[in-house]
């Protein structure tokens, strides 16, 4: 018990700061519904981290928030997925989702290689942009030898380009004359974060939001196999780490995510619990984004140069192009 109390005291300053920032971000999101609280949180965190010298005693709590709370939030995302909803999309849409993720990662890795970026930076951007944004970045970070600067760069780019897509997809969908169903499929297949997809789907209107959300969650479901493949690759190529241990085959929070997907799909979880888990997930991920935002340094972003930004832009266009081509191909067969 003494150890628990010491741990709690160590975490308290940074965690309290995180909760204060999260409350501010959620408040702004409530007052301005078009603003994603997670985006607000990372901006607030970055502003604070670059203007105020925070005490060293806040470090442990901030690290706890940016890692542990993020992983719990990702696990809870599993309660938002129903396997029946995904299979109800039809085999064509499920196949399209797999193609988007596989070719999205492969194409981004190839583009990053041509730009001369390191393997881990390319991998973080590829998975973040092809699967599910910051959650994918965190999952890949847990099974690969990345550094903090690379992680923060990838998450910052997810926020920037995913936010641009919230505006771009509804506008371009209208210009292309896409139906609500087709536009929703495109949003779900191309935009980085779940919250960003929801914002874009709501902006499109009609039945787009429901379709966009389910397609996006189908992409999220592929996080587990992708992380497993990356972990297997690292175990084969690097063996043990500096502490003499092997990287996990599948991180614990990804296992929890899959378990909660199965639990939700079983029909045993009542709707009030799902709603409460959704709220908890939002709060936890907002906490994590605030803590991660504090770690974003303007000087560090200047130091990484333009190449990650170019890759992020190219990856956004690449994934969006794959999704749009697939939607235009299969929408007529779905009555969309």
C-alpha atoms as a PDB file:
ATOM      1  CA  UNK A   1       0.000   0.000   0.000  1.00  0.00           C
ATOM      2  CA  UNK A   2       2.889   2.345   0.756  1.00  0.00           C
ATOM      3  CA  UNK A   3       4.235   1.798  -2.767  1.00  0.00           C
ATOM      4  CA  UNK A   4       0.841   2.672  -4.239  1.00  0.00           C
ATOM      5  CA  UNK A   5       0.715   5.895  -2.234  1.00  0.00           C
ATOM      6  CA  UNK A   6       4.214   6.873  -3.341  1.00  0.00           C
ATOM      7  CA  UNK A   7       3.296   6.134  -6.946  1.00  0.00           C
ATOM      8  CA  UNK A   8       0.108   8.200  -6.627  1.00  0.00           C
ATOM      9  CA  UNK A   9       2.026  11.146  -5.163  1.00  0.00           C
ATOM     10  CA  UNK A  10       4.573  10.904  -7.974  1.00  0.00           C
ATOM     11  CA  UNK A  11       1.884  10.938 -10.647  1.00  0.00           C
ATOM     12  CA  UNK A  12      -0.362  13.554  -9.021  1.00  0.00           C
ATOM     13  CA  UNK A  13       1.191  16.837 -10.299  1.00  0.00           C
ATOM     14  CA  UNK A  14       1.338  15.835 -13.957  1.00  0.00           C
ATOM     15  CA  UNK A  15      -2.009  14.054 -13.860  1.00  0.00           C
ATOM     16  CA  UNK A  16      -3.682  17.065 -12.251  1.00  0.00           C
ATOM     17  CA  UNK A  17      -2.256  19.301 -14.962  1.00  0.00           C
ATOM     18  CA  UNK A  18      -3.517  16.869 -17.610  1.00  0.00           C
ATOM     19  CA  UNK A  19      -7.018  16.810 -16.106  1.00  0.00           C
ATOM     20  CA  UNK A  20      -7.125  20.617 -16.034  1.00  0.00           C
ATOM     21  CA  UNK A  21      -6.104  20.808 -19.690  1.00  0.00           C
ATOM     22  CA  UNK A  22      -8.597  18.099 -20.601  1.00  0.00           C
ATOM     23  CA  UNK A  23     -11.424  19.933 -18.842  1.00  0.00           C
ATOM     24  CA  UNK A  24     -10.548  23.081 -20.798  1.00  0.00           C
ATOM     25  CA  UNK A  25     -10.459  21.179 -24.102  1.00  0.00           C
ATOM     26  CA  UNK A  26     -13.779  19.446 -23.426  1.00  0.00           C
ATOM     27  CA  UNK A  27     -15.297  22.780 -22.441  1.00  0.00           C
ATOM     28  CA  UNK A  28     -14.193  24.366 -25.702  1.00  0.00           C
ATOM     29  CA  UNK A  29     -15.521  21.363 -27.609  1.00  0.00           C
ATOM     30  CA  UNK A  30     -18.871  21.711 -25.855  1.00  0.00           C
ATOM     31  CA  UNK A  31     -19.110  25.427 -26.618  1.00  0.00           C
ATOM     32  CA  UNK A  32     -17.965  24.977 -30.229  1.00  0.00           C
ATOM     33  CA  UNK A  33     -19.256  21.550 -31.347  1.00  0.00           C
ATOM     34  CA  UNK A  34     -17.392  21.768 -34.664  1.00  0.00           C
ATOM     35  CA  UNK A  35     -14.075  21.612 -32.775  1.00  0.00           C
ATOM     36  CA  UNK A  36     -12.775  18.163 -31.876  1.00  0.00           C
ATOM     37  CA  UNK A  37     -11.771  18.248 -28.167  1.00  0.00           C
ATOM     38  CA  UNK A  38      -8.773  16.029 -28.913  1.00  0.00           C
ATOM     39  CA  UNK A  39      -7.537  18.570 -31.455  1.00  0.00           C
ATOM     40  CA  UNK A  40      -8.136  21.373 -28.946  1.00  0.00           C
ATOM     41  CA  UNK A  41      -6.246  19.382 -26.300  1.00  0.00           C
ATOM     42  CA  UNK A  42      -3.129  18.862 -28.375  1.00  0.00           C
ATOM     43  CA  UNK A  43      -3.101  22.554 -29.373  1.00  0.00           C
ATOM     44  CA  UNK A  44      -3.510  23.646 -25.740  1.00  0.00           C
ATOM     45  CA  UNK A  45      -0.804  21.236 -24.647  1.00  0.00           C
ATOM     46  CA  UNK A  46       1.604  22.430 -27.338  1.00  0.00           C
ATOM     47  CA  UNK A  47       0.919  26.068 -26.462  1.00  0.00           C
ATOM     48  CA  UNK A  48       1.596  25.376 -22.775  1.00  0.00           C
ATOM     49  CA  UNK A  49       4.675  23.265 -23.424  1.00  0.00           C
ATOM     50  CA  UNK A  50       6.255  25.918 -25.625  1.00  0.00           C
ATOM     51  CA  UNK A  51       5.531  28.929 -23.411  1.00  0.00           C
ATOM     52  CA  UNK A  52       5.795  27.695 -19.814  1.00  0.00           C
ATOM     53  CA  UNK A  53       8.668  25.892 -18.112  1.00  0.00           C
ATOM     54  CA  UNK A  54       6.897  23.047 -16.353  1.00  0.00           C
ATOM     55  CA  UNK A  55       8.300  21.621 -13.107  1.00  0.00           C
ATOM     56  CA  UNK A  56      10.178  18.339 -13.332  1.00  0.00           C
ATOM     57  CA  UNK A  57       7.747  16.746 -10.868  1.00  0.00           C
ATOM     58  CA  UNK A  58       5.025  16.918 -13.544  1.00  0.00           C
ATOM     59  CA  UNK A  59       6.973  14.618 -15.879  1.00  0.00           C
ATOM     60  CA  UNK A  60       5.830  11.277 -14.435  1.00  0.00           C
ATOM     61  CA  UNK A  61       2.133  12.168 -14.513  1.00  0.00           C
ATOM     62  CA  UNK A  62       2.375  13.501 -18.056  1.00  0.00           C
ATOM     63  CA  UNK A  63       4.116  10.311 -19.205  1.00  0.00           C
ATOM     64  CA  UNK A  64       1.408   8.242 -17.494  1.00  0.00           C
ATOM     65  CA  UNK A  65      -1.284  10.256 -19.270  1.00  0.00           C
ATOM     66  CA  UNK A  66       0.337  10.085 -22.697  1.00  0.00           C
ATOM     67  CA  UNK A  67       0.957   6.339 -22.565  1.00  0.00           C
ATOM     68  CA  UNK A  68      -1.211   4.460 -20.069  1.00  0.00           C
ATOM     69  CA  UNK A  69      -4.354   6.571 -20.462  1.00  0.00           C
ATOM     70  CA  UNK A  70      -3.966   6.516 -24.242  1.00  0.00           C
ATOM     71  CA  UNK A  71      -3.773   2.730 -24.266  1.00  0.00           C
ATOM     72  CA  UNK A  72      -6.805   2.353 -21.993  1.00  0.00           C
ATOM     73  CA  UNK A  73      -8.696   4.699 -24.328  1.00  0.00           C
ATOM     74  CA  UNK A  74      -7.730   2.584 -27.338  1.00  0.00           C
ATOM     75  CA  UNK A  75      -8.876  -0.578 -25.565  1.00  0.00           C
ATOM     76  CA  UNK A  76     -12.250   1.006 -24.762  1.00  0.00           C
ATOM     77  CA  UNK A  77     -12.667   1.815 -28.447  1.00  0.00           C
ATOM     78  CA  UNK A  78     -13.392  -1.895 -28.854  1.00  0.00           C
ATOM     79  CA  UNK A  79     -16.777  -1.388 -27.197  1.00  0.00           C
ATOM     80  CA  UNK A  80     -17.795   0.870 -30.095  1.00  0.00           C
ATOM     81  CA  UNK A  81     -17.388  -1.924 -32.672  1.00  0.00           C
ATOM     82  CA  UNK A  82     -20.009  -4.468 -33.621  1.00  0.00           C
ATOM     83  CA  UNK A  83     -18.715  -7.196 -35.906  1.00  0.00           C
ATOM     84  CA  UNK A  84     -22.224  -7.560 -37.300  1.00  0.00           C
ATOM     85  CA  UNK A  85     -22.218  -3.937 -38.444  1.00  0.00           C
ATOM     86  CA  UNK A  86     -18.936  -4.471 -40.265  1.00  0.00           C
ATOM     87  CA  UNK A  87     -19.977  -7.713 -41.983  1.00  0.00           C
ATOM     88  CA  UNK A  88     -23.286  -6.052 -42.928  1.00  0.00           C
ATOM     89  CA  UNK A  89     -21.311  -3.664 -45.129  1.00  0.00           C
ATOM     90  CA  UNK A  90     -20.856  -6.499 -47.589  1.00  0.00           C
ATOM     91  CA  UNK A  91     -17.744  -8.243 -48.821  1.00  0.00           C
ATOM     92  CA  UNK A  92     -16.960  -5.515 -51.342  1.00  0.00           C
ATOM     93  CA  UNK A  93     -16.671  -2.812 -48.665  1.00  0.00           C
ATOM     94  CA  UNK A  94     -14.728  -5.075 -46.315  1.00  0.00           C
ATOM     95  CA  UNK A  95     -12.331  -5.913 -49.149  1.00  0.00           C
ATOM     96  CA  UNK A  96     -11.987  -2.202 -49.939  1.00  0.00           C
ATOM     97  CA  UNK A  97     -11.067  -1.457 -46.314  1.00  0.00           C
ATOM     98  CA  UNK A  98      -8.355  -4.127 -46.398  1.00  0.00           C
ATOM     99  CA  UNK A  99      -6.998  -2.728 -49.671  1.00  0.00           C
ATOM    100  CA  UNK A 100      -6.945   0.824 -48.281  1.00  0.00           C
ATOM    101  CA  UNK A 101      -5.000  -0.231 -45.186  1.00  0.00           C
ATOM    102  CA  UNK A 102      -2.547  -2.567 -46.932  1.00  0.00           C
ATOM    103  CA  UNK A 103      -1.819  -0.356 -49.938  1.00  0.00           C
ATOM    104  CA  UNK A 104      -1.981   2.780 -47.791  1.00  0.00           C
ATOM    105  CA  UNK A 105       0.815   1.476 -45.576  1.00  0.00           C
ATOM    106  CA  UNK A 106       2.839   0.039 -48.458  1.00  0.00           C
ATOM    107  CA  UNK A 107       2.565   3.193 -50.564  1.00  0.00           C
ATOM    108  CA  UNK A 108       3.435   5.505 -47.687  1.00  0.00           C
ATOM    109  CA  UNK A 109       6.440   3.387 -46.750  1.00  0.00           C
ATOM    110  CA  UNK A 110       7.657   3.500 -50.355  1.00  0.00           C
ATOM    111  CA  UNK A 111       7.146   7.265 -50.611  1.00  0.00           C
ATOM    112  CA  UNK A 112       8.922   7.801 -47.299  1.00  0.00           C
ATOM    113  CA  UNK A 113      11.831   5.690 -48.496  1.00  0.00           C
ATOM    114  CA  UNK A 114      12.103   7.808 -51.631  1.00  0.00           C
ATOM    115  CA  UNK A 115      12.208  10.891 -49.395  1.00  0.00           C
ATOM    116  CA  UNK A 116      15.029   9.391 -47.342  1.00  0.00           C
ATOM    117  CA  UNK A 117      13.094   9.110 -44.072  1.00  0.00           C
ATOM    118  CA  UNK A 118      13.992   6.474 -41.492  1.00  0.00           C
ATOM    119  CA  UNK A 119      12.023   3.222 -41.286  1.00  0.00           C
ATOM    120  CA  UNK A 120      10.355   3.947 -37.950  1.00  0.00           C
ATOM    121  CA  UNK A 121       9.233   7.476 -38.887  1.00  0.00           C
ATOM    122  CA  UNK A 122       7.766   6.138 -42.130  1.00  0.00           C
ATOM    123  CA  UNK A 123       6.039   3.315 -40.287  1.00  0.00           C
ATOM    124  CA  UNK A 124       4.412   5.606 -37.725  1.00  0.00           C
ATOM    125  CA  UNK A 125       3.070   7.938 -40.414  1.00  0.00           C
ATOM    126  CA  UNK A 126       1.977   5.044 -42.643  1.00  0.00           C
ATOM    127  CA  UNK A 127      -0.029   3.315 -39.920  1.00  0.00           C
ATOM    128  CA  UNK A 128      -1.394   6.526 -38.422  1.00  0.00           C
ATOM    129  CA  UNK A 129      -2.686   7.744 -41.781  1.00  0.00           C
ATOM    130  CA  UNK A 130      -3.856   4.351 -43.084  1.00  0.00           C
ATOM    131  CA  UNK A 131      -5.542   2.912 -39.978  1.00  0.00           C
ATOM    132  CA  UNK A 132      -6.674   5.130 -37.112  1.00  0.00           C
ATOM    133  CA  UNK A 133      -4.489   8.116 -36.383  1.00  0.00           C
ATOM    134  CA  UNK A 134      -2.936   8.600 -32.944  1.00  0.00           C
ATOM    135  CA  UNK A 135      -4.198   5.226 -31.691  1.00  0.00           C
ATOM    136  CA  UNK A 136      -2.316   3.446 -34.463  1.00  0.00           C
ATOM    137  CA  UNK A 137       0.800   5.549 -33.815  1.00  0.00           C
ATOM    138  CA  UNK A 138       0.698   4.556 -30.126  1.00  0.00           C
ATOM    139  CA  UNK A 139       0.162   0.888 -30.943  1.00  0.00           C
ATOM    140  CA  UNK A 140       3.060   0.801 -33.406  1.00  0.00           C
ATOM    141  CA  UNK A 141       5.247   2.687 -30.929  1.00  0.00           C
ATOM    142  CA  UNK A 142       4.674  -0.087 -28.391  1.00  0.00           C
ATOM    143  CA  UNK A 143       6.119  -2.791 -30.660  1.00  0.00           C
ATOM    144  CA  UNK A 144       8.825  -0.883 -32.571  1.00  0.00           C
ATOM    145  CA  UNK A 145      12.022   0.926 -31.670  1.00  0.00           C
ATOM    146  CA  UNK A 146      10.783   4.485 -32.186  1.00  0.00           C
ATOM    147  CA  UNK A 147      11.847   7.619 -30.349  1.00  0.00           C
ATOM    148  CA  UNK A 148       9.623  10.225 -28.731  1.00  0.00           C
ATOM    149  CA  UNK A 149      10.303  12.885 -31.351  1.00  0.00           C
ATOM    150  CA  UNK A 150       9.156  10.555 -34.141  1.00  0.00           C
ATOM    151  CA  UNK A 151       5.960   9.698 -32.258  1.00  0.00           C
ATOM    152  CA  UNK A 152       5.131  13.337 -31.554  1.00  0.00           C
ATOM    153  CA  UNK A 153       5.822  14.278 -35.169  1.00  0.00           C
ATOM    154  CA  UNK A 154       3.477  11.569 -36.455  1.00  0.00           C
ATOM    155  CA  UNK A 155       0.682  12.518 -34.062  1.00  0.00           C
ATOM    156  CA  UNK A 156       1.021  16.218 -34.860  1.00  0.00           C
ATOM    157  CA  UNK A 157       0.775  15.454 -38.575  1.00  0.00           C
ATOM    158  CA  UNK A 158      -2.282  13.249 -37.994  1.00  0.00           C
ATOM    159  CA  UNK A 159      -3.993  16.159 -36.247  1.00  0.00           C
ATOM    160  CA  UNK A 160      -3.100  18.687 -38.944  1.00  0.00           C
ATOM    161  CA  UNK A 161      -3.956  16.677 -42.046  1.00  0.00           C
ATOM    162  CA  UNK A 162      -6.919  14.856 -40.526  1.00  0.00           C
ATOM    163  CA  UNK A 163      -8.426  18.210 -39.591  1.00  0.00           C
ATOM    164  CA  UNK A 164      -7.960  19.463 -43.157  1.00  0.00           C
ATOM    165  CA  UNK A 165      -9.784  16.355 -44.385  1.00  0.00           C
ATOM    166  CA  UNK A 166     -12.824  17.208 -42.231  1.00  0.00           C
ATOM    167  CA  UNK A 167     -13.379  20.157 -44.564  1.00  0.00           C
ATOM    168  CA  UNK A 168     -12.018  18.684 -47.807  1.00  0.00           C
ATOM    169  CA  UNK A 169     -14.051  15.457 -47.988  1.00  0.00           C
ATOM    170  CA  UNK A 170     -17.545  17.024 -47.644  1.00  0.00           C
ATOM    171  CA  UNK A 171     -16.647  19.794 -50.126  1.00  0.00           C
ATOM    172  CA  UNK A 172     -15.144  17.416 -52.689  1.00  0.00           C
ATOM    173  CA  UNK A 173     -17.975  14.908 -52.226  1.00  0.00           C
ATOM    174  CA  UNK A 174     -20.446  17.595 -53.199  1.00  0.00           C
ATOM    175  CA  UNK A 175     -18.316  18.682 -56.156  1.00  0.00           C
ATOM    176  CA  UNK A 176     -18.078  15.082 -57.373  1.00  0.00           C
ATOM    177  CA  UNK A 177     -21.815  14.518 -56.941  1.00  0.00           C
ATOM    178  CA  UNK A 178     -21.390  11.581 -54.573  1.00  0.00           C
ATOM    179  CA  UNK A 179     -24.461  10.229 -52.817  1.00  0.00           C
ATOM    180  CA  UNK A 180     -24.601  10.382 -49.025  1.00  0.00           C
ATOM    181  CA  UNK A 181     -23.740   6.679 -48.851  1.00  0.00           C
ATOM    182  CA  UNK A 182     -20.756   6.987 -51.192  1.00  0.00           C
ATOM    183  CA  UNK A 183     -19.528  10.154 -49.473  1.00  0.00           C
ATOM    184  CA  UNK A 184     -19.798   8.465 -46.080  1.00  0.00           C
ATOM    185  CA  UNK A 185     -17.831   5.473 -47.343  1.00  0.00           C
ATOM    186  CA  UNK A 186     -15.150   7.812 -48.671  1.00  0.00           C
ATOM    187  CA  UNK A 187     -14.927   9.709 -45.384  1.00  0.00           C
ATOM    188  CA  UNK A 188     -14.673   6.496 -43.370  1.00  0.00           C
ATOM    189  CA  UNK A 189     -12.110   5.039 -45.753  1.00  0.00           C
ATOM    190  CA  UNK A 190      -9.816   8.040 -45.971  1.00  0.00           C
ATOM    191  CA  UNK A 191      -9.841  10.257 -42.858  1.00  0.00           C
ATOM    192  CA  UNK A 192      -7.352   9.498 -40.092  1.00  0.00           C
ATOM    193  CA  UNK A 193      -9.075   9.739 -36.679  1.00  0.00           C
ATOM    194  CA  UNK A 194     -12.471   8.330 -35.671  1.00  0.00           C
ATOM    195  CA  UNK A 195     -13.482  11.721 -34.256  1.00  0.00           C
ATOM    196  CA  UNK A 196     -12.460  13.409 -37.498  1.00  0.00           C
ATOM    197  CA  UNK A 197     -14.557  10.921 -39.483  1.00  0.00           C
ATOM    198  CA  UNK A 198     -17.574  11.631 -37.287  1.00  0.00           C
ATOM    199  CA  UNK A 199     -17.136  15.368 -37.816  1.00  0.00           C
ATOM    200  CA  UNK A 200     -16.910  14.957 -41.595  1.00  0.00           C
ATOM    201  CA  UNK A 201     -19.822  12.508 -41.729  1.00  0.00           C
ATOM    202  CA  UNK A 202     -21.989  14.921 -39.773  1.00  0.00           C
ATOM    203  CA  UNK A 203     -21.038  17.735 -42.149  1.00  0.00           C
ATOM    204  CA  UNK A 204     -22.035  15.645 -45.182  1.00  0.00           C
ATOM    205  CA  UNK A 205     -25.430  14.908 -43.626  1.00  0.00           C
ATOM    206  CA  UNK A 206     -28.104  12.369 -44.465  1.00  0.00           C
ATOM    207  CA  UNK A 207     -27.058   8.776 -43.896  1.00  0.00           C
ATOM    208  CA  UNK A 208     -23.363   9.543 -44.379  1.00  0.00           C
ATOM    209  CA  UNK A 209     -22.477   9.615 -40.685  1.00  0.00           C
ATOM    210  CA  UNK A 210     -23.575   6.040 -39.931  1.00  0.00           C
ATOM    211  CA  UNK A 211     -21.833   4.636 -43.015  1.00  0.00           C
ATOM    212  CA  UNK A 212     -18.651   6.661 -42.397  1.00  0.00           C
ATOM    213  CA  UNK A 213     -18.434   5.516 -38.782  1.00  0.00           C
ATOM    214  CA  UNK A 214     -18.825   1.819 -39.559  1.00  0.00           C
ATOM    215  CA  UNK A 215     -16.308   1.924 -42.427  1.00  0.00           C
ATOM    216  CA  UNK A 216     -13.830   3.737 -40.180  1.00  0.00           C
ATOM    217  CA  UNK A 217     -14.311   1.213 -37.386  1.00  0.00           C
ATOM    218  CA  UNK A 218     -13.627  -1.556 -39.898  1.00  0.00           C
ATOM    219  CA  UNK A 219     -10.251   0.127 -40.525  1.00  0.00           C
ATOM    220  CA  UNK A 220      -9.688   0.335 -36.760  1.00  0.00           C
ATOM    221  CA  UNK A 221     -10.285  -3.416 -36.478  1.00  0.00           C
ATOM    222  CA  UNK A 222      -7.271  -4.010 -38.728  1.00  0.00           C
ATOM    223  CA  UNK A 223      -5.023  -2.376 -36.120  1.00  0.00           C
ATOM    224  CA  UNK A 224      -4.570  -5.701 -34.322  1.00  0.00           C
ATOM    225  CA  UNK A 225      -3.311  -7.775 -37.278  1.00  0.00           C
ATOM    226  CA  UNK A 226      -1.080  -4.940 -38.510  1.00  0.00           C
ATOM    227  CA  UNK A 227       0.528  -4.529 -35.071  1.00  0.00           C
ATOM    228  CA  UNK A 228       1.007  -8.293 -34.863  1.00  0.00           C
ATOM    229  CA  UNK A 229       2.799  -8.364 -38.231  1.00  0.00           C
ATOM    230  CA  UNK A 230       5.047  -5.454 -37.186  1.00  0.00           C
ATOM    231  CA  UNK A 231       5.852  -7.163 -33.892  1.00  0.00           C
ATOM    232  CA  UNK A 232       6.697 -10.440 -35.648  1.00  0.00           C
ATOM    233  CA  UNK A 233       8.974  -8.566 -38.032  1.00  0.00           C
ATOM    234  CA  UNK A 234      10.794  -6.855 -35.171  1.00  0.00           C
ATOM    235  CA  UNK A 235      11.165 -10.087 -33.198  1.00  0.00           C
ATOM    236  CA  UNK A 236      12.761 -11.727 -36.240  1.00  0.00           C
ATOM    237  CA  UNK A 237      15.079  -8.836 -37.064  1.00  0.00           C
ATOM    238  CA  UNK A 238      16.111  -7.559 -33.619  1.00  0.00           C
ATOM    239  CA  UNK A 239      15.539 -10.409 -31.172  1.00  0.00           C
ATOM    240  CA  UNK A 240      15.793  -8.942 -27.675  1.00  0.00           C
ATOM    241  CA  UNK A 241      15.938  -5.298 -26.678  1.00  0.00           C
ATOM    242  CA  UNK A 242      18.506  -3.554 -24.492  1.00  0.00           C
ATOM    243  CA  UNK A 243      16.972  -5.095 -21.360  1.00  0.00           C
ATOM    244  CA  UNK A 244      17.184  -8.620 -22.762  1.00  0.00           C
ATOM    245  CA  UNK A 245      13.458  -8.953 -23.407  1.00  0.00           C
ATOM    246  CA  UNK A 246      11.606  -9.519 -26.651  1.00  0.00           C
ATOM    247  CA  UNK A 247       8.932  -7.083 -27.840  1.00  0.00           C
ATOM    248  CA  UNK A 248       5.391  -8.359 -27.172  1.00  0.00           C
ATOM    249  CA  UNK A 249       3.763 -10.294 -29.997  1.00  0.00           C
ATOM    250  CA  UNK A 250       0.582  -8.274 -29.405  1.00  0.00           C
ATOM    251  CA  UNK A 251       0.468  -5.438 -26.834  1.00  0.00           C
ATOM    252  CA  UNK A 252      -1.862  -6.019 -23.904  1.00  0.00           C
ATOM    253  CA  UNK A 253      -4.075  -3.072 -24.772  1.00  0.00           C
ATOM    254  CA  UNK A 254      -4.595  -4.445 -28.314  1.00  0.00           C
ATOM    255  CA  UNK A 255      -5.638  -7.788 -26.811  1.00  0.00           C
ATOM    256  CA  UNK A 256      -8.051  -5.885 -24.539  1.00  0.00           C
ATOM    257  CA  UNK A 257      -9.368  -3.983 -27.571  1.00  0.00           C
ATOM    258  CA  UNK A 258     -10.127  -7.259 -29.391  1.00  0.00           C
ATOM    259  CA  UNK A 259     -11.702  -8.789 -26.280  1.00  0.00           C
ATOM    260  CA  UNK A 260     -14.022  -5.792 -25.918  1.00  0.00           C
ATOM    261  CA  UNK A 261     -14.955  -6.015 -29.618  1.00  0.00           C
ATOM    262  CA  UNK A 262     -16.019  -9.622 -29.059  1.00  0.00           C
ATOM    263  CA  UNK A 263     -17.811  -8.724 -25.827  1.00  0.00           C
ATOM    264  CA  UNK A 264     -19.773  -5.927 -27.501  1.00  0.00           C
ATOM    265  CA  UNK A 265     -20.586  -8.144 -30.486  1.00  0.00           C
ATOM    266  CA  UNK A 266     -21.961 -10.824 -28.154  1.00  0.00           C
ATOM    267  CA  UNK A 267     -24.872  -8.542 -27.249  1.00  0.00           C
ATOM    268  CA  UNK A 268     -24.136  -8.832 -23.530  1.00  0.00           C
ATOM    269  CA  UNK A 269     -23.164  -5.183 -23.034  1.00  0.00           C
ATOM    270  CA  UNK A 270     -26.153  -2.891 -22.327  1.00  0.00           C
ATOM    271  CA  UNK A 271     -26.407   0.401 -24.195  1.00  0.00           C
ATOM    272  CA  UNK A 272     -25.855   2.569 -21.077  1.00  0.00           C
ATOM    273  CA  UNK A 273     -22.512   0.833 -20.523  1.00  0.00           C
ATOM    274  CA  UNK A 274     -21.544   1.410 -24.163  1.00  0.00           C
ATOM    275  CA  UNK A 275     -22.463   5.090 -23.827  1.00  0.00           C
ATOM    276  CA  UNK A 276     -20.462   5.437 -20.608  1.00  0.00           C
ATOM    277  CA  UNK A 277     -17.481   3.709 -22.218  1.00  0.00           C
ATOM    278  CA  UNK A 278     -17.697   6.082 -25.194  1.00  0.00           C
ATOM    279  CA  UNK A 279     -17.577   9.083 -22.861  1.00  0.00           C
ATOM    280  CA  UNK A 280     -14.688   7.565 -20.876  1.00  0.00           C
ATOM    281  CA  UNK A 281     -12.829   6.850 -24.105  1.00  0.00           C
ATOM    282  CA  UNK A 282     -13.221  10.464 -25.230  1.00  0.00           C
ATOM    283  CA  UNK A 283     -11.976  11.784 -21.890  1.00  0.00           C
ATOM    284  CA  UNK A 284      -9.002   9.400 -21.781  1.00  0.00           C
ATOM    285  CA  UNK A 285      -7.927  10.120 -25.350  1.00  0.00           C
ATOM    286  CA  UNK A 286      -8.308  13.858 -24.753  1.00  0.00           C
ATOM    287  CA  UNK A 287      -6.091  13.515 -21.660  1.00  0.00           C
ATOM    288  CA  UNK A 288      -3.510  11.670 -23.736  1.00  0.00           C
ATOM    289  CA  UNK A 289      -3.600  14.262 -26.520  1.00  0.00           C
ATOM    290  CA  UNK A 290      -3.058  17.106 -24.033  1.00  0.00           C
ATOM    291  CA  UNK A 291      -0.098  15.323 -22.449  1.00  0.00           C
ATOM    292  CA  UNK A 292       1.366  14.486 -25.854  1.00  0.00           C
ATOM    293  CA  UNK A 293       0.829  18.071 -26.972  1.00  0.00           C
ATOM    294  CA  UNK A 294       2.990  19.308 -24.104  1.00  0.00           C
ATOM    295  CA  UNK A 295       5.805  17.253 -25.573  1.00  0.00           C
ATOM    296  CA  UNK A 296       5.516  18.910 -28.989  1.00  0.00           C
ATOM    297  CA  UNK A 297       8.355  21.382 -29.350  1.00  0.00           C
ATOM    298  CA  UNK A 298       8.374  23.950 -32.128  1.00  0.00           C
ATOM    299  CA  UNK A 299      12.159  23.706 -32.258  1.00  0.00           C
ATOM    300  CA  UNK A 300      11.954  19.931 -32.643  1.00  0.00           C
ATOM    301  CA  UNK A 301       9.412  20.227 -35.451  1.00  0.00           C
ATOM    302  CA  UNK A 302      11.782  22.604 -37.230  1.00  0.00           C
ATOM    303  CA  UNK A 303      14.585  20.133 -36.671  1.00  0.00           C
ATOM    304  CA  UNK A 304      12.795  17.214 -38.357  1.00  0.00           C
ATOM    305  CA  UNK A 305      12.473  19.331 -41.494  1.00  0.00           C
ATOM    306  CA  UNK A 306       9.981  19.305 -44.334  1.00  0.00           C
ATOM    307  CA  UNK A 307      10.247  15.645 -45.348  1.00  0.00           C
ATOM    308  CA  UNK A 308       7.772  14.215 -42.789  1.00  0.00           C
ATOM    309  CA  UNK A 309       5.288  16.949 -43.740  1.00  0.00           C
ATOM    310  CA  UNK A 310       5.681  16.115 -47.428  1.00  0.00           C
ATOM    311  CA  UNK A 311       5.172  12.426 -46.658  1.00  0.00           C
ATOM    312  CA  UNK A 312       2.085  13.199 -44.576  1.00  0.00           C
ATOM    313  CA  UNK A 313       0.573  15.251 -47.408  1.00  0.00           C
ATOM    314  CA  UNK A 314       1.394  12.573 -49.972  1.00  0.00           C
ATOM    315  CA  UNK A 315       0.019   9.809 -47.724  1.00  0.00           C
ATOM    316  CA  UNK A 316      -3.218  11.736 -47.203  1.00  0.00           C
ATOM    317  CA  UNK A 317      -3.694  12.094 -50.956  1.00  0.00           C
ATOM    318  CA  UNK A 318      -2.693   8.465 -51.558  1.00  0.00           C
ATOM    319  CA  UNK A 319      -5.090   6.976 -48.995  1.00  0.00           C
ATOM    320  CA  UNK A 320      -7.907   9.312 -50.038  1.00  0.00           C
ATOM    321  CA  UNK A 321      -7.319   8.406 -53.682  1.00  0.00           C
ATOM    322  CA  UNK A 322      -7.432   4.678 -52.936  1.00  0.00           C
ATOM    323  CA  UNK A 323     -10.646   5.103 -50.967  1.00  0.00           C
ATOM    324  CA  UNK A 324     -12.306   7.260 -53.629  1.00  0.00           C
ATOM    325  CA  UNK A 325     -11.371   4.887 -56.461  1.00  0.00           C
ATOM    326  CA  UNK A 326     -12.793   1.981 -54.501  1.00  0.00           C
ATOM    327  CA  UNK A 327     -15.990   3.849 -53.634  1.00  0.00           C
ATOM    328  CA  UNK A 328     -16.565   4.848 -57.271  1.00  0.00           C
ATOM    329  CA  UNK A 329     -16.002   1.220 -58.284  1.00  0.00           C
ATOM    330  CA  UNK A 330     -18.290  -0.507 -55.787  1.00  0.00           C
ATOM    331  CA  UNK A 331     -20.938   2.126 -54.932  1.00  0.00           C
ATOM    332  CA  UNK A 332     -23.133   1.279 -57.964  1.00  0.00           C
ATOM    333  CA  UNK A 333     -23.227  -2.378 -56.886  1.00  0.00           C
ATOM    334  CA  UNK A 334     -24.456  -1.291 -53.449  1.00  0.00           C
ATOM    335  CA  UNK A 335     -27.148   0.989 -54.708  1.00  0.00           C
ATOM    336  CA  UNK A 336     -25.068   3.974 -53.508  1.00  0.00           C
END
